[in-house]
Amino acid sequence: MAIAISNNEILTPSFSIYRLNQFGALEIFYEIKLTKATIIDIS
C-alpha cells in the first residue's frame, strides 16, 4: 500500500460482504466495487 500511495496508483478494489444463509453456509450478501480509487493516507 505504501507504494500505491507514493506512486499515486489508480486502484479498482472490491469488497465482498458475507452472511450465513438459512442452511448455515456462507454466501455473498453484497459486493462493493470502487473504480478509479487512490489511497491518500493509512492510519
N, C-alpha and C. Protein backbone atom coordinates (compact mmCIF):
# COMPACT_ATOMS: atom_id res chain seq x y z
N MET A 1 0.81 -1.18 0.00
CA MET A 1 0.00 0.00 0.00
C MET A 1 0.86 1.25 0.00
N ALA A 2 2.00 1.18 0.64
CA ALA A 2 2.88 2.35 0.66
C ALA A 2 3.32 2.73 -0.75
N ILE A 3 3.59 1.73 -1.58
CA ILE A 3 3.99 2.00 -2.96
C ILE A 3 2.82 2.62 -3.73
N ALA A 4 1.60 2.12 -3.49
CA ALA A 4 0.42 2.69 -4.16
C ALA A 4 0.23 4.15 -3.77
N ILE A 5 0.51 4.48 -2.50
CA ILE A 5 0.39 5.88 -2.07
C ILE A 5 1.45 6.73 -2.74
N SER A 6 2.70 6.28 -2.68
CA SER A 6 3.79 7.11 -3.20
C SER A 6 3.73 7.26 -4.72
N ASN A 7 3.20 6.26 -5.42
CA ASN A 7 3.09 6.33 -6.89
C ASN A 7 1.75 6.89 -7.35
N ASN A 8 0.87 7.21 -6.38
CA ASN A 8 -0.47 7.71 -6.70
C ASN A 8 -1.19 6.79 -7.70
N GLU A 9 -1.12 5.49 -7.43
CA GLU A 9 -1.71 4.50 -8.32
C GLU A 9 -3.24 4.54 -8.28
N ILE A 10 -3.84 4.32 -9.43
CA ILE A 10 -5.29 4.19 -9.54
C ILE A 10 -5.63 2.72 -9.29
N LEU A 11 -6.55 2.48 -8.36
CA LEU A 11 -6.91 1.12 -7.96
C LEU A 11 -8.37 0.83 -8.28
N THR A 12 -8.69 -0.46 -8.39
CA THR A 12 -10.06 -0.91 -8.59
C THR A 12 -10.34 -2.03 -7.59
N PRO A 13 -10.48 -1.68 -6.31
CA PRO A 13 -10.70 -2.72 -5.29
C PRO A 13 -12.17 -3.15 -5.23
N SER A 14 -12.38 -4.36 -4.72
CA SER A 14 -13.75 -4.82 -4.45
C SER A 14 -13.77 -5.47 -3.07
N PHE A 15 -14.88 -5.28 -2.38
CA PHE A 15 -15.07 -5.80 -1.03
C PHE A 15 -16.33 -6.65 -1.02
N SER A 16 -16.19 -7.91 -0.65
CA SER A 16 -17.34 -8.81 -0.57
C SER A 16 -17.78 -8.93 0.88
N ILE A 17 -19.08 -8.76 1.10
CA ILE A 17 -19.67 -8.87 2.43
C ILE A 17 -20.45 -10.19 2.47
N TYR A 18 -20.10 -11.03 3.44
CA TYR A 18 -20.71 -12.35 3.53
C TYR A 18 -21.70 -12.42 4.68
N ARG A 19 -22.63 -13.38 4.59
CA ARG A 19 -23.55 -13.69 5.68
C ARG A 19 -23.84 -15.18 5.66
N LEU A 20 -24.43 -15.66 6.73
CA LEU A 20 -24.85 -17.05 6.78
C LEU A 20 -26.26 -17.16 6.19
N ASN A 21 -26.46 -18.13 5.30
CA ASN A 21 -27.80 -18.34 4.75
C ASN A 21 -28.61 -19.24 5.69
N GLN A 22 -29.82 -19.60 5.29
CA GLN A 22 -30.70 -20.38 6.16
C GLN A 22 -30.18 -21.79 6.44
N PHE A 23 -29.19 -22.25 5.65
CA PHE A 23 -28.60 -23.57 5.85
C PHE A 23 -27.30 -23.50 6.65
N GLY A 24 -26.90 -22.31 7.06
CA GLY A 24 -25.68 -22.14 7.84
C GLY A 24 -24.42 -22.01 7.01
N ALA A 25 -24.57 -21.89 5.70
CA ALA A 25 -23.41 -21.75 4.81
C ALA A 25 -23.17 -20.27 4.50
N LEU A 26 -21.91 -19.93 4.27
CA LEU A 26 -21.59 -18.55 3.90
C LEU A 26 -22.03 -18.26 2.47
N GLU A 27 -22.56 -17.07 2.26
CA GLU A 27 -22.91 -16.62 0.92
C GLU A 27 -22.57 -15.14 0.82
N ILE A 28 -22.31 -14.69 -0.38
CA ILE A 28 -22.05 -13.26 -0.58
C ILE A 28 -23.37 -12.51 -0.42
N PHE A 29 -23.40 -11.58 0.53
CA PHE A 29 -24.59 -10.78 0.80
C PHE A 29 -24.65 -9.61 -0.18
N TYR A 30 -23.53 -8.89 -0.33
CA TYR A 30 -23.39 -7.86 -1.35
C TYR A 30 -21.92 -7.58 -1.58
N GLU A 31 -21.65 -6.88 -2.66
CA GLU A 31 -20.27 -6.58 -3.03
C GLU A 31 -20.16 -5.10 -3.35
N ILE A 32 -19.08 -4.50 -2.86
CA ILE A 32 -18.81 -3.09 -3.12
C ILE A 32 -17.62 -3.03 -4.07
N LYS A 33 -17.79 -2.36 -5.20
CA LYS A 33 -16.71 -2.20 -6.17
C LYS A 33 -16.40 -0.71 -6.32
N LEU A 34 -15.14 -0.37 -6.18
CA LEU A 34 -14.70 1.01 -6.36
C LEU A 34 -13.94 1.11 -7.67
N THR A 35 -14.08 2.23 -8.34
CA THR A 35 -13.33 2.46 -9.57
C THR A 35 -12.56 3.76 -9.45
N LYS A 36 -11.40 3.79 -10.04
CA LYS A 36 -10.53 4.97 -10.03
C LYS A 36 -10.25 5.46 -8.61
N ALA A 37 -9.98 4.52 -7.70
CA ALA A 37 -9.71 4.86 -6.30
C ALA A 37 -8.22 5.06 -6.09
N THR A 38 -7.88 5.95 -5.18
CA THR A 38 -6.49 6.14 -4.76
C THR A 38 -6.44 6.12 -3.24
N ILE A 39 -5.29 5.72 -2.71
CA ILE A 39 -5.07 5.73 -1.26
C ILE A 39 -4.32 7.02 -0.94
N ILE A 40 -4.87 7.79 -0.01
CA ILE A 40 -4.21 9.05 0.34
C ILE A 40 -3.57 9.02 1.72
N ASP A 41 -4.01 8.07 2.58
CA ASP A 41 -3.46 8.02 3.93
C ASP A 41 -3.75 6.66 4.54
N ILE A 42 -2.84 6.19 5.38
CA ILE A 42 -3.03 4.98 6.16
C ILE A 42 -2.80 5.37 7.61
N SER A 43 -3.76 5.04 8.46
CA SER A 43 -3.59 5.38 9.88
C SER A 43 -3.82 4.17 10.76
